[in-house]
N, C-alpha and C. Protein backbone atom coordinates (compact mmCIF):
# COMPACT_ATOMS: atom_id res chain seq x y z
N MET A 1 -4.14 -16.17 -7.15
CA MET A 1 -3.99 -15.15 -6.14
C MET A 1 -5.39 -14.71 -5.68
N ARG A 2 -5.54 -14.52 -4.41
CA ARG A 2 -6.81 -14.10 -3.80
C ARG A 2 -6.79 -12.60 -3.56
N PHE A 3 -7.89 -11.93 -3.89
CA PHE A 3 -8.00 -10.49 -3.68
C PHE A 3 -9.08 -10.18 -2.66
N TYR A 4 -8.94 -9.03 -2.04
CA TYR A 4 -9.96 -8.46 -1.17
C TYR A 4 -10.42 -7.18 -1.84
N PHE A 5 -11.71 -6.92 -1.79
CA PHE A 5 -12.28 -5.79 -2.51
C PHE A 5 -12.87 -4.76 -1.56
N VAL A 6 -12.63 -3.51 -1.87
CA VAL A 6 -13.32 -2.40 -1.25
C VAL A 6 -14.29 -1.91 -2.32
N TYR A 7 -15.52 -1.69 -1.93
CA TYR A 7 -16.53 -1.34 -2.94
C TYR A 7 -17.41 -0.20 -2.45
N VAL A 8 -18.00 0.48 -3.42
CA VAL A 8 -18.94 1.55 -3.13
C VAL A 8 -20.24 1.23 -3.84
N LEU A 9 -21.31 1.20 -3.07
CA LEU A 9 -22.64 1.00 -3.63
C LEU A 9 -23.39 2.32 -3.61
N LEU A 10 -24.23 2.51 -4.60
CA LEU A 10 -25.12 3.66 -4.64
C LEU A 10 -26.54 3.14 -4.48
N SER A 11 -27.23 3.64 -3.46
CA SER A 11 -28.63 3.26 -3.26
C SER A 11 -29.48 4.00 -4.27
N GLU A 12 -30.24 3.25 -5.05
CA GLU A 12 -31.16 3.87 -6.01
C GLU A 12 -32.39 4.42 -5.29
N LYS A 13 -32.58 4.04 -4.05
CA LYS A 13 -33.72 4.52 -3.27
C LYS A 13 -33.46 5.91 -2.69
N ASP A 14 -32.31 6.08 -2.02
CA ASP A 14 -32.05 7.37 -1.36
C ASP A 14 -30.87 8.14 -1.93
N GLY A 15 -30.17 7.56 -2.91
CA GLY A 15 -29.06 8.26 -3.54
C GLY A 15 -27.80 8.37 -2.69
N LYS A 16 -27.74 7.62 -1.59
CA LYS A 16 -26.57 7.67 -0.71
C LYS A 16 -25.66 6.48 -0.99
N TYR A 17 -24.40 6.62 -0.52
CA TYR A 17 -23.38 5.61 -0.73
C TYR A 17 -23.29 4.65 0.45
N TYR A 18 -22.76 3.48 0.15
CA TYR A 18 -22.36 2.52 1.18
C TYR A 18 -20.98 2.03 0.78
N VAL A 19 -20.03 2.08 1.70
CA VAL A 19 -18.67 1.60 1.46
C VAL A 19 -18.44 0.37 2.31
N GLY A 20 -17.91 -0.69 1.69
CA GLY A 20 -17.64 -1.92 2.42
C GLY A 20 -16.46 -2.66 1.82
N TYR A 21 -16.13 -3.80 2.41
CA TYR A 21 -15.06 -4.64 1.87
C TYR A 21 -15.51 -6.09 1.94
N THR A 22 -14.91 -6.89 1.09
CA THR A 22 -15.26 -8.31 1.03
C THR A 22 -14.16 -9.09 0.31
N LYS A 23 -14.18 -10.40 0.45
CA LYS A 23 -13.26 -11.21 -0.33
C LYS A 23 -13.94 -11.79 -1.56
N ASP A 24 -15.27 -11.67 -1.64
CA ASP A 24 -16.01 -12.15 -2.82
C ASP A 24 -17.04 -11.09 -3.19
N LEU A 25 -16.70 -10.25 -4.13
CA LEU A 25 -17.54 -9.11 -4.50
C LEU A 25 -18.90 -9.53 -5.05
N ASN A 26 -18.93 -10.55 -5.89
CA ASN A 26 -20.20 -10.99 -6.47
C ASN A 26 -21.17 -11.50 -5.41
N VAL A 27 -20.68 -12.32 -4.51
CA VAL A 27 -21.54 -12.86 -3.45
C VAL A 27 -22.02 -11.75 -2.53
N ARG A 28 -21.12 -10.86 -2.17
CA ARG A 28 -21.49 -9.77 -1.25
C ARG A 28 -22.53 -8.85 -1.88
N PHE A 29 -22.36 -8.53 -3.17
CA PHE A 29 -23.33 -7.67 -3.84
C PHE A 29 -24.70 -8.36 -3.88
N GLU A 30 -24.71 -9.64 -4.15
CA GLU A 30 -25.96 -10.40 -4.17
C GLU A 30 -26.64 -10.37 -2.79
N GLN A 31 -25.84 -10.47 -1.73
CA GLN A 31 -26.39 -10.40 -0.38
C GLN A 31 -27.03 -9.03 -0.13
N HIS A 32 -26.36 -7.97 -0.58
CA HIS A 32 -26.95 -6.63 -0.45
C HIS A 32 -28.27 -6.56 -1.21
N GLN A 33 -28.29 -7.02 -2.43
CA GLN A 33 -29.48 -6.93 -3.28
C GLN A 33 -30.66 -7.73 -2.74
N LYS A 34 -30.37 -8.80 -2.03
CA LYS A 34 -31.43 -9.65 -1.47
C LYS A 34 -31.88 -9.18 -0.08
N GLY A 35 -31.28 -8.10 0.42
CA GLY A 35 -31.66 -7.59 1.73
C GLY A 35 -31.11 -8.39 2.89
N GLN A 36 -30.04 -9.14 2.66
CA GLN A 36 -29.46 -9.98 3.70
C GLN A 36 -28.44 -9.25 4.58
N ILE A 37 -28.14 -8.01 4.24
CA ILE A 37 -27.20 -7.20 5.02
C ILE A 37 -28.01 -6.19 5.83
N LYS A 38 -27.95 -6.33 7.15
CA LYS A 38 -28.80 -5.54 8.04
C LYS A 38 -28.66 -4.03 7.81
N SER A 39 -27.43 -3.56 7.62
CA SER A 39 -27.21 -2.11 7.52
C SER A 39 -27.69 -1.50 6.21
N THR A 40 -28.00 -2.32 5.20
CA THR A 40 -28.42 -1.77 3.92
C THR A 40 -29.77 -2.27 3.42
N LYS A 41 -30.39 -3.17 4.13
CA LYS A 41 -31.60 -3.80 3.59
C LYS A 41 -32.76 -2.82 3.39
N HIS A 42 -32.77 -1.71 4.10
CA HIS A 42 -33.84 -0.73 3.95
C HIS A 42 -33.56 0.29 2.84
N ARG A 43 -32.44 0.12 2.12
CA ARG A 43 -32.04 1.09 1.09
C ARG A 43 -31.97 0.48 -0.31
N LEU A 44 -32.59 -0.65 -0.53
CA LEU A 44 -32.56 -1.35 -1.82
C LEU A 44 -33.28 -0.56 -2.90
N PRO A 45 -32.93 -0.78 -4.14
CA PRO A 45 -31.82 -1.56 -4.71
C PRO A 45 -30.53 -0.74 -4.79
N PHE A 46 -29.44 -1.43 -5.13
CA PHE A 46 -28.12 -0.81 -5.22
C PHE A 46 -27.49 -1.02 -6.59
N LYS A 47 -26.52 -0.17 -6.88
CA LYS A 47 -25.63 -0.35 -8.02
C LYS A 47 -24.21 -0.28 -7.48
N ILE A 48 -23.34 -1.15 -7.98
CA ILE A 48 -21.91 -1.02 -7.67
C ILE A 48 -21.39 0.09 -8.59
N ILE A 49 -20.82 1.13 -7.98
CA ILE A 49 -20.31 2.22 -8.81
C ILE A 49 -18.79 2.33 -8.76
N TYR A 50 -18.16 1.58 -7.85
CA TYR A 50 -16.70 1.66 -7.74
C TYR A 50 -16.20 0.48 -6.91
N TYR A 51 -15.05 -0.03 -7.29
CA TYR A 51 -14.38 -1.02 -6.43
C TYR A 51 -12.88 -1.01 -6.70
N GLU A 52 -12.13 -1.45 -5.71
CA GLU A 52 -10.68 -1.60 -5.79
C GLU A 52 -10.32 -2.97 -5.25
N ALA A 53 -9.25 -3.55 -5.77
CA ALA A 53 -8.77 -4.84 -5.29
C ALA A 53 -7.47 -4.65 -4.53
N SER A 54 -7.33 -5.38 -3.44
CA SER A 54 -6.10 -5.39 -2.64
C SER A 54 -5.65 -6.83 -2.45
N ILE A 55 -4.37 -7.01 -2.30
CA ILE A 55 -3.83 -8.35 -2.11
C ILE A 55 -4.04 -8.84 -0.68
N THR A 56 -4.03 -7.92 0.29
CA THR A 56 -4.19 -8.34 1.68
C THR A 56 -5.46 -7.78 2.29
N LYS A 57 -5.99 -8.50 3.25
CA LYS A 57 -7.18 -8.06 3.97
C LYS A 57 -6.90 -6.76 4.72
N ASP A 58 -5.73 -6.67 5.30
CA ASP A 58 -5.35 -5.47 6.05
C ASP A 58 -5.37 -4.22 5.16
N ASP A 59 -4.83 -4.33 3.96
CA ASP A 59 -4.84 -3.19 3.03
C ASP A 59 -6.28 -2.81 2.67
N ALA A 60 -7.13 -3.79 2.43
CA ALA A 60 -8.52 -3.50 2.08
C ALA A 60 -9.24 -2.82 3.24
N LEU A 61 -9.01 -3.28 4.45
CA LEU A 61 -9.65 -2.67 5.61
C LEU A 61 -9.19 -1.23 5.81
N LYS A 62 -7.90 -0.99 5.61
CA LYS A 62 -7.38 0.38 5.73
C LYS A 62 -7.98 1.28 4.66
N ARG A 63 -8.11 0.76 3.46
CA ARG A 63 -8.68 1.55 2.37
C ARG A 63 -10.16 1.84 2.62
N GLU A 64 -10.89 0.85 3.11
CA GLU A 64 -12.30 1.06 3.45
C GLU A 64 -12.43 2.16 4.50
N LYS A 65 -11.61 2.09 5.52
CA LYS A 65 -11.66 3.09 6.58
C LYS A 65 -11.35 4.48 6.01
N TYR A 66 -10.36 4.57 5.14
CA TYR A 66 -10.01 5.85 4.52
C TYR A 66 -11.17 6.40 3.70
N LEU A 67 -11.80 5.55 2.89
CA LEU A 67 -12.87 6.02 2.02
C LEU A 67 -14.09 6.52 2.81
N LYS A 68 -14.18 6.17 4.06
CA LYS A 68 -15.27 6.64 4.91
C LYS A 68 -14.94 7.97 5.59
N THR A 69 -13.71 8.45 5.44
CA THR A 69 -13.33 9.73 6.04
C THR A 69 -13.70 10.88 5.11
N TYR A 70 -13.57 12.09 5.60
CA TYR A 70 -13.83 13.29 4.79
C TYR A 70 -12.97 13.28 3.53
N TYR A 71 -11.67 13.02 3.69
CA TYR A 71 -10.76 13.03 2.54
C TYR A 71 -11.04 11.87 1.58
N GLY A 72 -11.44 10.75 2.12
CA GLY A 72 -11.82 9.63 1.28
C GLY A 72 -13.05 9.93 0.46
N LYS A 73 -14.02 10.61 1.06
CA LYS A 73 -15.23 11.01 0.33
C LYS A 73 -14.89 12.01 -0.76
N MET A 74 -13.94 12.90 -0.50
CA MET A 74 -13.49 13.86 -1.51
C MET A 74 -12.82 13.12 -2.67
N PHE A 75 -11.99 12.12 -2.35
CA PHE A 75 -11.35 11.30 -3.38
C PHE A 75 -12.40 10.64 -4.26
N LEU A 76 -13.41 10.04 -3.64
CA LEU A 76 -14.45 9.36 -4.41
C LEU A 76 -15.23 10.34 -5.27
N ALA A 77 -15.50 11.52 -4.75
CA ALA A 77 -16.23 12.52 -5.53
C ALA A 77 -15.45 12.88 -6.79
N LYS A 78 -14.14 13.07 -6.66
CA LYS A 78 -13.30 13.38 -7.82
C LYS A 78 -13.23 12.18 -8.77
N ARG A 79 -13.04 11.01 -8.20
CA ARG A 79 -12.87 9.80 -8.99
C ARG A 79 -14.13 9.45 -9.78
N LEU A 80 -15.28 9.73 -9.19
CA LEU A 80 -16.55 9.35 -9.80
C LEU A 80 -17.24 10.51 -10.51
N LYS A 81 -16.57 11.63 -10.61
CA LYS A 81 -17.17 12.81 -11.23
C LYS A 81 -17.68 12.51 -12.64
N SER A 82 -16.89 11.83 -13.44
CA SER A 82 -17.31 11.54 -14.82
C SER A 82 -18.50 10.58 -14.84
N TYR A 83 -18.56 9.66 -13.88
CA TYR A 83 -19.70 8.75 -13.80
C TYR A 83 -20.99 9.54 -13.58
N PHE A 84 -20.97 10.46 -12.62
CA PHE A 84 -22.18 11.21 -12.31
C PHE A 84 -22.52 12.21 -13.41
N THR A 85 -21.53 12.76 -14.07
CA THR A 85 -21.79 13.64 -15.19
C THR A 85 -22.49 12.87 -16.30
N ARG A 86 -22.02 11.69 -16.58
CA ARG A 86 -22.60 10.84 -17.62
C ARG A 86 -24.03 10.45 -17.25
N GLN A 87 -24.27 10.11 -15.98
CA GLN A 87 -25.62 9.73 -15.55
C GLN A 87 -26.60 10.88 -15.75
N GLU A 88 -26.16 12.11 -15.46
CA GLU A 88 -27.02 13.27 -15.65
C GLU A 88 -27.35 13.47 -17.12
N GLU A 89 -26.38 13.21 -17.99
CA GLU A 89 -26.60 13.36 -19.43
C GLU A 89 -27.62 12.34 -19.93
N LEU A 90 -27.64 11.16 -19.34
CA LEU A 90 -28.54 10.10 -19.77
C LEU A 90 -29.98 10.32 -19.31
N GLU A 91 -30.15 11.12 -18.29
CA GLU A 91 -31.50 11.33 -17.72
C GLU A 91 -32.28 12.36 -18.50
């Protein structure tokens, strides 16, 4: 079965998020890290901090669009709260 992924990257340079979708998460992340993606090449390096898998491309695109909205950002903030709390403890 083939999956489509919605992912969230955290820029270690500016601390901001990037939300995208792909059918091959490993390849896409490598493209981001190598500066091959125009919209993110000036914000390197990145960490993948969240991803979801969908069975259809349409579902992944809808989810990506949602995560870019105000309510989607609120969802991510709640979902990733423990991640950021842990990161603060490690620093």
